[in-house]
Amino acid sequence: MATSETDIVILGAGHNGLVCAFHLARAGLKVTVLERRGIVGGAAVTEEFHPGFRNSTASYTVSLLRPEIIREMELARHGLRIVERRLANFLPLPDGQYLAAGPGRTATEVAKFSPRDAGRLAAYEERLETVAAVLRDLVLRAPPNVTEAGWLAVLPELVEAGRLGRRLGRLATTARRDVMDLFTKSAGDWLDGWFESDPIKALLGFDSVVGNYASPYTPGSAYVLLHHVFGEVNGRKGAWGHAIGGMGAITQAMAKACAEVGVTIRLDAAVAEVLTVQGRAAGAVTEAGDVVRARAVVSNLHPRLLFSKVDPAALPPDFAERIGRYTSGSGTFRMNLALSELPRFSSLPEPGDHLTAGIIIAPSLGYMDRAHAQARLDGWSREPIVEMLIPSTLDDTLAPPGRHVASLFCQHVAPVLPNGLAWEDCRETVADLMIETVDRHAPGFKASVIGRLALGPADLETRFGLVGGDIFHGRLTLDQLFSARPVLGHGDYRMPVPGLYLCGSGAHPGGGVTGAPGRNAAMAVLADRHRRRF
């Protein structure tokens, strides 16, 4: 057991923790990061899962990472290279048809199913982009915070609220109505109002159930759709891409940037307790008994995990009660597969750009709705939603020559299984189902699988601290967004214990590999340092 001192101790070396550490250290503070695992990156890691085969273990594709963070941390100089998919999405259909989406191609493809829908596509994209642009403006700013403090504390929040009001006030009436719809309605209702054919609605609606244990007809799911379209790749808005070397290449580059500004990262250092002294956060104690004393503590952990490590007596009762009810749990089942060969889809059997795309197996919104309903009843859907990426078609560093790796991101499974079932006992059965679901569209796929790693919700929680398998650190519902994330009154990254901050996906703007919560939390810490609050 040892005792050390630092200015800031950060709990968790996930991407947001590394972004926060970088900005604080660059500002001249001494920063120590404590990481439970033996590798940095949190859920954005690349690991070998079968001899000779490496892949992104949890998060698996890149778009939402803010370009400002890429520039500020000089991630390209530290080895990060992101390439765009050669085709955005590929939707194979049970009748042997398919829908392919990509720049200059989507409208022609949609016209195969509905000329009317093809004609409406440009207007849909323009209207969605108008609202996504508003969201981009909000991502790297703390939302207006609700506070009961005096007027000196209230004044800057009023200013921020006024700035937001002016931003929204510049929108045309149509855009304001779209903002309201996208923050409150279901994705299914939103898309049904635009299109008539199932394939385009399925392709667009898939984003509404990514990491979201809900039907596309669940109110609020339209926001989850919106949350997935505010990103960009190499300057192209709304695009998705691949980090060469997998998602771990992002966090490895971040770790190099942190080392350059003097951040200390301690691996295999799980945190057991957040120290509080006279009601203030004053450091952390590791499970090994080491004490790191600090002037402030910044947590990249899931909010419920963080507050399980804080003395309950230090928390306001209402806050503690609401954190206990904080909703967390997604219908995600994550797999990595080692393949002997590329799949051949019945609808498009020859290898091509469609194998670089996000391959979505879910032919309609009704299919997705039924998948969610069955998972709620039985624990998992017998006709699941599967998105498959084959990153080795873009990146030859992941698999041996002539071989490939596939990422399967599967919905819907129940975070907690019914009837006393345990994920430990059901994991491989569900993994077989996911592979067989792909095989129905690409005969021979099952036979090509030579190795696999399957992670159900319980595994994602154990390995990565994703409570309920929730990839967003808490559901993206209206009561847990913006100023109310994680709890109303603490949307400014400052937790109710003085000196304790939240920098993970449980803070605004929520989940995804954005880096935004980490950067925003660092700005809050630095503002408090300027005000001599710690």
Protein backbone atom coordinates (compact mmCIF):
# COMPACT_ATOMS: atom_id res chain seq x y z
CA MET A 1 0.00 0.00 0.00
CA ALA A 2 1.27 3.45 -0.93
CA THR A 3 0.10 7.03 -0.71
CA SER A 4 0.67 9.61 -3.43
CA GLU A 5 -0.58 13.10 -4.23
CA THR A 6 -1.75 14.73 -7.43
CA ASP A 7 -3.84 17.70 -8.48
CA ILE A 8 -6.51 15.63 -10.26
CA VAL A 9 -7.26 11.93 -10.10
CA ILE A 10 -9.35 10.53 -12.96
CA LEU A 11 -11.21 7.26 -12.54
CA GLY A 12 -11.09 5.23 -15.73
CA ALA A 13 -8.88 5.46 -18.84
CA GLY A 14 -11.68 5.21 -21.36
CA HIS A 15 -11.63 7.70 -24.20
CA ASN A 16 -13.46 10.41 -22.24
CA GLY A 17 -11.13 10.02 -19.28
CA LEU A 18 -8.11 10.38 -21.58
CA VAL A 19 -9.55 13.47 -23.28
CA CYS A 20 -10.23 15.04 -19.88
CA ALA A 21 -6.76 14.15 -18.59
CA PHE A 22 -5.11 15.68 -21.66
CA HIS A 23 -6.85 19.04 -21.31
CA LEU A 24 -6.22 19.28 -17.58
CA ALA A 25 -2.55 18.36 -17.89
CA ARG A 26 -2.05 20.73 -20.80
CA ALA A 27 -3.39 23.48 -18.53
CA GLY A 28 -0.60 22.77 -16.06
CA LEU A 29 -2.26 20.42 -13.58
CA LYS A 30 -0.69 17.21 -12.33
CA VAL A 31 -3.04 14.41 -13.45
CA THR A 32 -3.17 10.73 -12.48
CA VAL A 33 -5.52 8.29 -14.22
CA LEU A 34 -6.51 5.03 -12.50
CA GLU A 35 -7.62 2.24 -14.83
CA ARG A 36 -9.10 -1.07 -13.66
CA ARG A 37 -7.98 -3.11 -16.69
CA GLY A 38 -4.50 -3.76 -17.99
CA ILE A 39 -5.13 -1.71 -21.13
CA VAL A 40 -6.30 1.85 -21.73
CA GLY A 41 -9.41 2.59 -23.74
CA GLY A 42 -12.43 1.40 -21.77
CA ALA A 43 -14.91 0.09 -24.34
CA ALA A 44 -12.84 1.54 -27.22
CA VAL A 45 -10.13 -1.12 -27.37
CA THR A 46 -8.61 -3.52 -29.89
CA GLU A 47 -7.75 -6.98 -28.56
CA GLU A 48 -6.80 -10.39 -29.90
CA PHE A 49 -9.86 -12.64 -29.53
CA HIS A 50 -8.59 -15.67 -31.49
CA PRO A 51 -4.97 -16.56 -32.30
CA GLY A 52 -3.83 -14.16 -35.04
CA PHE A 53 -7.16 -12.26 -35.14
CA ARG A 54 -7.63 -8.81 -33.59
CA ASN A 55 -10.68 -6.58 -33.57
CA SER A 56 -12.47 -3.81 -31.71
CA THR A 57 -13.89 -5.63 -28.71
CA ALA A 58 -16.88 -3.42 -27.85
CA SER A 59 -17.35 -0.12 -29.74
CA TYR A 60 -16.62 -0.95 -33.34
CA THR A 61 -17.03 1.98 -35.73
CA VAL A 62 -16.19 5.67 -35.73
CA SER A 63 -18.09 8.82 -36.66
CA LEU A 64 -19.06 10.71 -33.51
CA LEU A 65 -15.50 11.49 -32.35
CA ARG A 66 -15.37 15.26 -32.46
CA PRO A 67 -12.96 16.73 -35.04
CA GLU A 68 -12.01 19.43 -32.52
CA ILE A 69 -10.65 16.73 -30.22
CA ILE A 70 -8.78 15.03 -33.05
CA ARG A 71 -7.10 18.37 -33.82
CA GLU A 72 -6.42 19.45 -30.23
CA MET A 73 -4.84 16.14 -29.24
CA GLU A 74 -3.05 15.84 -32.61
CA LEU A 75 -4.24 12.27 -32.86
CA ALA A 76 -3.10 11.90 -36.47
CA ARG A 77 0.45 12.75 -35.39
CA HIS A 78 0.12 10.07 -32.74
CA GLY A 79 -0.79 7.44 -35.32
CA LEU A 80 -4.56 7.67 -35.80
CA ARG A 81 -5.84 7.15 -39.33
CA ILE A 82 -9.55 6.90 -40.12
CA VAL A 83 -10.84 5.65 -43.46
CA GLU A 84 -14.37 5.91 -44.77
CA ARG A 85 -16.43 2.91 -45.77
CA ARG A 86 -16.62 2.52 -49.54
CA LEU A 87 -20.38 2.01 -49.17
CA ALA A 88 -22.30 3.32 -46.18
CA ASN A 89 -24.88 0.57 -45.63
CA PHE A 90 -26.10 -2.65 -47.19
CA LEU A 91 -29.53 -4.12 -46.39
CA PRO A 92 -30.02 -7.66 -47.75
CA LEU A 93 -33.68 -8.63 -47.99
CA PRO A 94 -35.36 -12.04 -47.59
CA ASP A 95 -36.73 -12.03 -51.16
CA GLY A 96 -33.27 -11.77 -52.69
CA GLN A 97 -33.36 -8.03 -53.25
CA TYR A 98 -31.17 -5.51 -51.45
CA LEU A 99 -30.79 -1.82 -50.69
CA ALA A 100 -27.34 -0.24 -50.86
CA ALA A 101 -26.73 3.26 -49.52
CA GLY A 102 -23.84 5.58 -50.22
CA PRO A 103 -22.95 8.96 -51.71
CA GLY A 104 -24.56 9.37 -55.12
CA ARG A 105 -26.20 5.98 -54.95
CA THR A 106 -28.91 5.91 -52.28
CA ALA A 107 -31.70 7.63 -54.23
CA THR A 108 -31.29 5.30 -57.22
CA GLU A 109 -31.38 2.30 -54.91
CA VAL A 110 -34.47 3.53 -53.06
CA ALA A 111 -36.24 4.08 -56.40
CA LYS A 112 -36.18 0.30 -56.92
CA PHE A 113 -38.78 0.10 -54.15
CA SER A 114 -40.53 3.47 -54.38
CA PRO A 115 -39.89 6.33 -56.81
CA ARG A 116 -41.87 8.54 -54.43
CA ASP A 117 -39.49 7.74 -51.56
CA ALA A 118 -36.46 8.39 -53.76
CA GLY A 119 -37.88 11.82 -54.58
CA ARG A 120 -38.34 12.64 -50.89
CA LEU A 121 -34.92 11.49 -49.77
CA ALA A 122 -33.04 14.75 -50.41
CA ALA A 123 -35.59 16.79 -48.44
CA TYR A 124 -35.45 14.27 -45.58
CA GLU A 125 -31.65 14.47 -45.41
CA GLU A 126 -31.69 18.27 -45.56
CA ARG A 127 -34.24 18.58 -42.75
CA LEU A 128 -32.45 16.01 -40.58
CA GLU A 129 -29.10 17.74 -41.15
CA THR A 130 -30.59 21.08 -40.04
CA VAL A 131 -31.47 19.56 -36.65
CA ALA A 132 -28.19 17.60 -36.46
CA ALA A 133 -26.33 20.90 -36.91
CA VAL A 134 -28.07 22.25 -33.81
CA LEU A 135 -26.98 19.16 -31.90
CA ARG A 136 -23.38 19.60 -33.03
CA ASP A 137 -23.46 23.14 -31.62
CA LEU A 138 -24.54 21.77 -28.25
CA VAL A 139 -22.14 18.85 -27.99
CA LEU A 140 -19.04 20.74 -26.83
CA ARG A 141 -20.87 23.02 -24.40
CA ALA A 142 -22.25 22.35 -20.95
CA PRO A 143 -26.04 22.61 -21.01
CA PRO A 144 -27.74 25.28 -18.90
CA ASN A 145 -27.76 23.94 -15.36
CA VAL A 146 -30.68 24.13 -12.95
CA THR A 147 -29.38 25.46 -9.65
CA GLU A 148 -30.76 26.67 -6.33
CA ALA A 149 -27.63 28.71 -5.61
CA GLY A 150 -27.50 32.50 -5.46
CA TRP A 151 -27.76 34.89 -8.38
CA LEU A 152 -24.01 34.81 -9.06
CA ALA A 153 -24.34 31.10 -9.87
CA VAL A 154 -27.64 31.50 -11.69
CA LEU A 155 -26.50 34.32 -13.98
CA PRO A 156 -24.14 32.30 -16.22
CA GLU A 157 -26.81 29.61 -16.57
CA LEU A 158 -29.30 32.23 -17.72
CA VAL A 159 -26.75 33.49 -20.22
CA GLU A 160 -26.23 29.98 -21.57
CA ALA A 161 -29.98 29.40 -21.75
CA GLY A 162 -30.33 32.68 -23.65
CA ARG A 163 -27.60 31.64 -26.09
CA LEU A 164 -29.44 28.37 -26.71
CA GLY A 165 -32.70 30.23 -27.16
CA ARG A 166 -31.12 32.51 -29.74
CA ARG A 167 -29.71 29.50 -31.60
CA LEU A 168 -33.11 27.86 -31.76
CA GLY A 169 -34.77 31.18 -32.54
CA ARG A 170 -32.75 31.45 -35.75
CA LEU A 171 -34.35 28.26 -37.04
CA ALA A 172 -37.25 28.40 -39.44
CA THR A 173 -40.61 27.24 -38.11
CA THR A 174 -40.31 23.93 -39.96
CA ALA A 175 -36.97 23.20 -38.29
CA ARG A 176 -38.33 24.08 -34.84
CA ARG A 177 -41.14 21.62 -35.37
CA ASP A 178 -38.63 19.01 -36.49
CA VAL A 179 -36.62 19.58 -33.30
CA MET A 180 -39.74 18.93 -31.26
CA ASP A 181 -40.57 15.80 -33.25
CA LEU A 182 -37.07 14.34 -33.09
CA PHE A 183 -36.77 14.85 -29.34
CA THR A 184 -40.17 13.39 -28.47
CA LYS A 185 -41.60 11.10 -31.16
CA SER A 186 -40.76 7.56 -32.10
CA ALA A 187 -38.43 6.94 -35.01
CA GLY A 188 -41.13 4.79 -36.59
CA ASP A 189 -43.70 7.58 -36.53
CA TRP A 190 -41.11 10.05 -37.87
CA LEU A 191 -40.07 7.77 -40.73
CA ASP A 192 -43.62 6.64 -41.56
CA GLY A 193 -44.44 10.31 -42.10
CA TRP A 194 -41.70 10.54 -44.72
CA PHE A 195 -41.58 7.22 -46.59
CA GLU A 196 -43.81 4.39 -47.74
CA SER A 197 -41.37 1.53 -48.54
CA ASP A 198 -39.99 -0.76 -45.85
CA PRO A 199 -36.32 -0.98 -46.91
CA ILE A 200 -35.47 2.72 -46.60
CA LYS A 201 -37.38 2.99 -43.33
CA ALA A 202 -35.49 -0.05 -41.98
CA LEU A 203 -32.12 1.26 -43.07
CA LEU A 204 -32.68 4.66 -41.45
CA GLY A 205 -34.60 3.32 -38.47
CA PHE A 206 -31.85 0.93 -37.44
CA ASP A 207 -30.02 3.86 -35.83
CA SER A 208 -32.96 4.31 -33.44
CA VAL A 209 -32.44 0.89 -31.83
CA VAL A 210 -28.63 0.89 -31.70
CA GLY A 211 -27.87 0.29 -28.04
CA ASN A 212 -31.48 1.16 -27.27
CA TYR A 213 -33.62 -1.56 -25.68
CA ALA A 214 -36.76 -0.31 -27.36
CA SER A 215 -38.94 -0.65 -30.40
CA PRO A 216 -38.49 1.89 -33.20
CA TYR A 217 -42.07 2.79 -32.28
CA THR A 218 -41.14 3.66 -28.69
CA PRO A 219 -41.60 7.41 -28.05
CA GLY A 220 -38.18 9.07 -27.81
CA SER A 221 -36.46 6.64 -30.19
CA ALA A 222 -36.33 9.37 -32.86
CA TYR A 223 -33.74 11.14 -30.68
CA VAL A 224 -31.55 8.02 -30.64
CA LEU A 225 -31.70 8.09 -34.46
CA LEU A 226 -30.67 11.75 -34.40
CA HIS A 227 -27.86 11.04 -31.91
CA HIS A 228 -26.24 8.74 -34.46
CA VAL A 229 -26.18 11.21 -37.36
CA PHE A 230 -24.38 14.26 -35.92
CA GLY A 231 -20.91 12.80 -36.54
CA GLU A 232 -18.51 13.00 -39.45
CA VAL A 233 -15.48 11.28 -40.94
CA ASN A 234 -12.60 13.32 -42.36
CA GLY A 235 -14.91 16.31 -42.80
CA ARG A 236 -17.85 14.49 -44.40
CA LYS A 237 -20.91 14.97 -42.19
CA GLY A 238 -22.97 11.94 -41.27
CA ALA A 239 -20.37 9.47 -42.55
CA TRP A 240 -19.09 6.41 -40.68
CA GLY A 241 -15.61 4.99 -40.92
CA HIS A 242 -12.97 2.67 -39.53
CA ALA A 243 -9.91 3.49 -37.46
CA ILE A 244 -6.96 1.55 -38.87
CA GLY A 245 -6.00 -0.88 -36.12
CA GLY A 246 -9.51 -0.83 -34.65
CA MET A 247 -11.09 1.42 -32.05
CA GLY A 248 -8.11 0.85 -29.79
CA ALA A 249 -6.07 2.93 -32.24
CA ILE A 250 -8.09 5.96 -31.11
CA THR A 251 -7.40 5.47 -27.41
CA GLN A 252 -3.78 4.44 -27.94
CA ALA A 253 -3.23 7.72 -29.81
CA MET A 254 -4.98 9.55 -26.96
CA ALA A 255 -2.73 7.85 -24.42
CA LYS A 256 0.34 9.01 -26.37
CA ALA A 257 -1.01 12.57 -26.38
CA CYS A 258 -1.58 12.34 -22.63
CA ALA A 259 1.94 11.04 -21.99
CA GLU A 260 3.35 13.96 -23.98
CA VAL A 261 1.74 16.47 -21.58
CA GLY A 262 2.76 14.55 -18.46
CA VAL A 263 -0.31 12.51 -17.53
CA THR A 264 0.39 9.48 -15.33
CA ILE A 265 -1.73 6.43 -16.24
CA ARG A 266 -1.79 3.55 -13.76
CA LEU A 267 -3.16 0.26 -15.13
CA ASP A 268 -4.55 -2.63 -13.06
CA ALA A 269 -5.62 -0.02 -10.52
CA ALA A 270 -9.32 -0.59 -9.84
CA VAL A 271 -10.89 2.04 -7.59
CA ALA A 272 -12.63 0.82 -4.44
CA GLU A 273 -13.55 4.15 -2.87
CA VAL A 274 -13.76 7.86 -3.57
CA LEU A 275 -12.20 9.62 -0.58
CA THR A 276 -14.23 12.39 0.99
CA VAL A 277 -12.89 14.75 3.65
CA GLN A 278 -15.27 17.16 5.37
CA GLY A 279 -17.80 16.60 2.59
CA ARG A 280 -15.36 17.16 -0.30
CA ALA A 281 -13.90 14.69 -2.77
CA ALA A 282 -10.25 14.34 -1.82
CA GLY A 283 -8.89 11.40 -3.79
CA ALA A 284 -9.34 7.70 -4.40
CA VAL A 285 -8.41 4.38 -2.81
CA THR A 286 -7.62 1.43 -5.08
CA GLU A 287 -8.66 -2.14 -4.41
CA ALA A 288 -5.01 -2.84 -3.59
CA GLY A 289 -5.22 -0.24 -0.84
CA ASP A 290 -3.16 2.48 -2.51
CA VAL A 291 -4.30 6.03 -1.71
CA VAL A 292 -4.13 8.82 -4.28
CA ARG A 293 -4.90 12.16 -2.67
CA ALA A 294 -6.09 14.91 -4.98
CA ARG A 295 -7.64 18.35 -5.06
CA ALA A 296 -10.43 17.04 -7.28
CA VAL A 297 -11.76 13.71 -8.54
CA VAL A 298 -13.08 13.25 -12.09
CA SER A 299 -14.96 10.05 -12.88
CA ASN A 300 -15.28 8.35 -16.25
CA LEU A 301 -17.33 5.56 -14.65
CA HIS A 302 -20.99 4.82 -15.19
CA PRO A 303 -22.89 7.07 -12.74
CA ARG A 304 -24.28 4.16 -10.74
CA LEU A 305 -20.82 2.61 -10.41
CA LEU A 306 -19.33 5.93 -9.34
CA PHE A 307 -21.82 6.57 -6.58
CA SER A 308 -21.49 3.02 -5.27
CA LYS A 309 -17.95 4.12 -4.34
CA VAL A 310 -18.97 7.37 -2.61
CA ASP A 311 -19.92 7.56 1.06
CA PRO A 312 -23.76 7.71 1.02
CA ALA A 313 -23.65 10.24 3.85
CA ALA A 314 -21.97 12.70 1.47
CA LEU A 315 -24.87 12.60 -1.00
CA PRO A 316 -28.16 14.54 -0.81
CA PRO A 317 -30.92 11.94 -0.23
CA ASP A 318 -32.95 12.96 -3.29
CA PHE A 319 -29.90 12.73 -5.54
CA ALA A 320 -28.97 9.30 -4.18
CA GLU A 321 -32.52 8.08 -4.71
CA ARG A 322 -32.58 9.26 -8.32
CA ILE A 323 -29.19 7.76 -9.15
CA GLY A 324 -30.54 4.50 -7.76
CA ARG A 325 -33.39 4.77 -10.30
CA TYR A 326 -31.16 5.95 -13.16
CA THR A 327 -32.26 3.83 -16.12
CA SER A 328 -29.50 1.76 -17.68
CA GLY A 329 -29.70 -1.27 -19.91
CA SER A 330 -29.57 -1.88 -23.64
CA GLY A 331 -30.56 -4.86 -25.74
CA THR A 332 -27.04 -5.41 -27.03
CA PHE A 333 -25.27 -8.69 -27.77
CA ARG A 334 -21.76 -8.12 -29.14
CA MET A 335 -19.69 -10.64 -31.10
CA ASN A 336 -16.33 -10.81 -32.86
CA LEU A 337 -15.79 -13.54 -35.43
CA ALA A 338 -12.69 -14.93 -37.10
CA LEU A 339 -13.54 -15.92 -40.69
CA SER A 340 -11.82 -18.23 -43.13
CA GLU A 341 -13.34 -16.32 -46.04
CA LEU A 342 -15.64 -13.44 -46.91
CA PRO A 343 -19.39 -14.05 -46.84
CA ARG A 344 -21.38 -14.30 -50.05
CA PHE A 345 -24.87 -12.84 -49.75
CA SER A 346 -27.64 -14.44 -51.77
CA SER A 347 -28.77 -11.02 -52.94
CA LEU A 348 -25.26 -9.88 -54.00
CA PRO A 349 -22.90 -12.87 -53.96
CA GLU A 350 -19.73 -11.48 -55.48
CA PRO A 351 -17.27 -9.60 -53.22
CA GLY A 352 -17.58 -5.84 -53.56
CA ASP A 353 -17.90 -2.52 -51.77
CA HIS A 354 -21.00 -3.75 -49.93
CA LEU A 355 -18.70 -5.86 -47.74
CA THR A 356 -17.08 -2.66 -46.41
CA ALA A 357 -20.47 -1.31 -45.36
CA GLY A 358 -22.60 -1.61 -42.28
CA ILE A 359 -24.56 -4.73 -43.22
CA ILE A 360 -27.98 -4.54 -41.57
CA ILE A 361 -30.16 -7.61 -41.17
CA ALA A 362 -33.58 -6.21 -40.27
CA PRO A 363 -35.86 -5.78 -43.30
CA SER A 364 -38.53 -3.54 -41.78
CA LEU A 365 -39.52 -1.46 -38.77
CA GLY A 366 -42.14 -4.09 -38.02
CA TYR A 367 -39.39 -6.73 -37.82
CA MET A 368 -37.54 -4.55 -35.31
CA ASP A 369 -40.72 -3.96 -33.31
CA ARG A 370 -41.36 -7.72 -33.08
CA ALA A 371 -37.73 -8.37 -32.10
CA HIS A 372 -38.08 -6.03 -29.13
CA ALA A 373 -41.45 -7.48 -28.06
CA GLN A 374 -40.16 -11.06 -28.18
CA ALA A 375 -37.01 -10.16 -26.24
CA ARG A 376 -39.11 -8.62 -23.48
CA LEU A 377 -41.17 -11.82 -23.24
CA ASP A 378 -38.56 -14.52 -23.80
CA GLY A 379 -35.18 -12.89 -23.15
CA TRP A 380 -34.08 -12.67 -26.74
CA SER A 381 -35.63 -12.47 -30.18
CA ARG A 382 -35.60 -15.57 -32.37
CA GLU A 383 -35.38 -13.18 -35.33
CA PRO A 384 -32.81 -10.70 -34.05
CA ILE A 385 -31.51 -7.47 -35.52
CA VAL A 386 -27.90 -7.81 -36.62
CA GLU A 387 -25.46 -5.26 -37.95
CA MET A 388 -22.29 -6.80 -39.31
CA LEU A 389 -19.09 -5.00 -40.21
CA ILE A 390 -16.09 -6.70 -41.80
CA PRO A 391 -13.32 -4.22 -40.96
CA SER A 392 -10.61 -6.41 -42.46
CA THR A 393 -11.92 -5.40 -45.90
CA LEU A 394 -10.53 -1.94 -45.09
CA ASP A 395 -7.70 -2.86 -42.71
CA ASP A 396 -5.26 -5.72 -43.30
CA THR A 397 -3.71 -5.37 -39.82
CA LEU A 398 -6.53 -7.29 -38.13
CA ALA A 399 -6.35 -10.79 -39.61
CA PRO A 400 -3.85 -13.14 -41.28
CA PRO A 401 -3.58 -12.90 -45.10
CA GLY A 402 -6.67 -14.28 -46.80
CA ARG A 403 -8.64 -14.35 -43.54
CA HIS A 404 -11.07 -11.81 -42.10
CA VAL A 405 -12.71 -10.53 -38.93
CA ALA A 406 -16.35 -9.56 -38.50
CA SER A 407 -18.03 -7.43 -35.85
CA LEU A 408 -21.62 -8.41 -35.05
CA PHE A 409 -23.66 -5.86 -33.14
CA CYS A 410 -26.91 -7.60 -32.30
CA GLN A 411 -30.30 -6.51 -30.92
CA HIS A 412 -32.56 -7.42 -29.11
CA VAL A 413 -31.69 -9.29 -25.97
CA ALA A 414 -32.91 -8.57 -22.44
CA PRO A 415 -30.37 -7.00 -20.08
CA VAL A 416 -31.79 -9.26 -17.35
CA LEU A 417 -33.21 -12.57 -18.54
CA PRO A 418 -36.68 -13.69 -17.39
CA ASN A 419 -37.64 -16.89 -15.58
CA GLY A 420 -34.43 -17.10 -13.57
CA LEU A 421 -32.23 -17.64 -16.63
CA ALA A 422 -28.61 -16.45 -16.48
CA TRP A 423 -26.58 -15.07 -19.37
CA GLU A 424 -23.69 -17.33 -18.42
CA ASP A 425 -25.88 -20.31 -19.35
CA CYS A 426 -27.50 -18.80 -22.46
CA ARG A 427 -24.66 -16.86 -24.09
CA GLU A 428 -23.49 -19.53 -26.55
CA THR A 429 -27.05 -20.46 -27.57
CA VAL A 430 -27.73 -16.85 -28.48
CA ALA A 431 -24.35 -16.57 -30.22
CA ASP A 432 -25.28 -19.54 -32.41
CA LEU A 433 -28.58 -17.83 -33.26
CA MET A 434 -26.82 -14.65 -34.35
CA ILE A 435 -24.49 -16.55 -36.68
CA GLU A 436 -27.39 -18.56 -38.10
CA THR A 437 -29.30 -15.31 -38.73
CA VAL A 438 -26.46 -14.07 -40.94
CA ASP A 439 -26.16 -17.49 -42.57
CA ARG A 440 -29.77 -17.30 -43.79
CA HIS A 441 -28.76 -14.31 -45.92
CA ALA A 442 -25.23 -15.51 -46.72
CA PRO A 443 -25.26 -19.32 -47.02
CA GLY A 444 -21.96 -20.83 -45.91
CA PHE A 445 -21.23 -18.04 -43.46
CA LYS A 446 -21.61 -20.32 -40.44
CA ALA A 447 -19.07 -22.76 -41.87
CA SER A 448 -16.56 -19.93 -42.35
CA VAL A 449 -16.46 -19.07 -38.64
CA ILE A 450 -13.22 -20.43 -37.14
CA GLY A 451 -13.24 -18.48 -33.87
CA ARG A 452 -15.52 -16.21 -31.90
CA LEU A 453 -15.94 -14.02 -28.85
CA ALA A 454 -19.50 -13.49 -27.62
CA LEU A 455 -20.41 -10.84 -25.05
CA GLY A 456 -23.92 -10.58 -23.65
CA PRO A 457 -25.16 -7.73 -21.46
CA ALA A 458 -23.74 -9.30 -18.28
CA ASP A 459 -20.33 -9.73 -19.96
CA LEU A 460 -20.32 -6.11 -21.14
CA GLU A 461 -21.05 -5.02 -17.58
CA THR A 462 -18.35 -7.22 -16.04
CA ARG A 463 -15.66 -6.42 -18.58
CA PHE A 464 -16.33 -2.75 -19.31
CA GLY A 465 -18.53 -1.48 -16.47
CA LEU A 466 -21.50 -0.98 -18.83
CA VAL A 467 -24.33 -1.44 -16.32
CA GLY A 468 -27.03 -3.59 -17.92
CA GLY A 469 -24.83 -3.79 -21.01
CA ASP A 470 -25.74 -0.16 -21.73
CA ILE A 471 -23.28 1.21 -24.27
CA PHE A 472 -24.43 4.78 -23.51
CA HIS A 473 -23.90 4.69 -19.69
CA GLY A 474 -27.66 5.22 -19.32
CA ARG A 475 -30.56 5.38 -21.74
CA LEU A 476 -30.93 8.39 -23.99
CA THR A 477 -34.45 9.25 -22.89
CA LEU A 478 -35.77 12.77 -22.42
CA ASP A 479 -35.55 12.52 -18.62
CA GLN A 480 -31.84 11.61 -18.90
CA LEU A 481 -30.69 14.08 -21.56
CA PHE A 482 -29.10 17.51 -21.72
CA SER A 483 -29.54 19.41 -18.42
CA ALA A 484 -31.06 16.29 -16.82
CA ARG A 485 -28.06 14.02 -17.50
CA PRO A 486 -27.45 12.27 -15.18
CA VAL A 487 -29.76 14.15 -12.78
CA LEU A 488 -31.40 17.55 -13.12
CA GLY A 489 -29.27 20.11 -11.29
CA HIS A 490 -26.00 18.38 -12.16
CA GLY A 491 -25.93 18.66 -15.94
CA ASP A 492 -22.78 20.85 -15.70
CA TYR A 493 -20.46 17.88 -14.88
CA ARG A 494 -20.25 18.97 -11.21
CA MET A 495 -21.63 16.33 -8.89
CA PRO A 496 -23.26 17.11 -5.52
CA VAL A 497 -20.05 16.32 -3.63
CA PRO A 498 -17.79 19.37 -4.04
CA GLY A 499 -14.66 18.51 -5.98
CA LEU A 500 -16.29 15.53 -7.72
CA TYR A 501 -16.93 15.69 -11.48
CA LEU A 502 -18.40 13.32 -14.08
CA CYS A 503 -16.65 13.09 -17.46
CA GLY A 504 -18.09 9.88 -18.92
CA SER A 505 -20.98 9.04 -21.20
CA GLY A 506 -23.38 9.38 -18.27
CA ALA A 507 -22.94 13.14 -18.70
CA HIS A 508 -24.03 15.38 -21.60
CA PRO A 509 -24.13 14.67 -24.54
CA GLY A 510 -24.31 10.98 -23.73
CA GLY A 511 -22.86 7.84 -25.28
CA GLY A 512 -20.81 7.07 -28.33
CA VAL A 513 -17.11 7.63 -28.88
CA THR A 514 -17.37 11.43 -28.99
CA GLY A 515 -14.84 12.62 -26.41
CA ALA A 516 -17.23 15.50 -25.70
CA PRO A 517 -18.09 14.70 -22.06
CA GLY A 518 -14.39 14.42 -21.28
CA ARG A 519 -13.54 17.74 -22.85
CA ASN A 520 -16.54 19.52 -21.33
CA ALA A 521 -15.80 18.17 -17.86
CA ALA A 522 -12.21 19.40 -18.14
CA MET A 523 -13.50 22.87 -18.97
CA ALA A 524 -15.70 22.76 -15.83
CA VAL A 525 -12.71 21.77 -13.67
CA LEU A 526 -10.55 24.51 -15.15
CA ALA A 527 -13.30 27.09 -14.65
CA ASP A 528 -13.53 26.10 -10.98
CA ARG A 529 -9.77 26.28 -10.66
CA HIS A 530 -9.92 29.83 -12.02
CA ARG A 531 -12.60 30.64 -9.45
CA ARG A 532 -10.45 29.01 -6.73
CA ARG A 533 -13.14 26.48 -5.89
CA PHE A 534 -10.59 23.77 -5.24
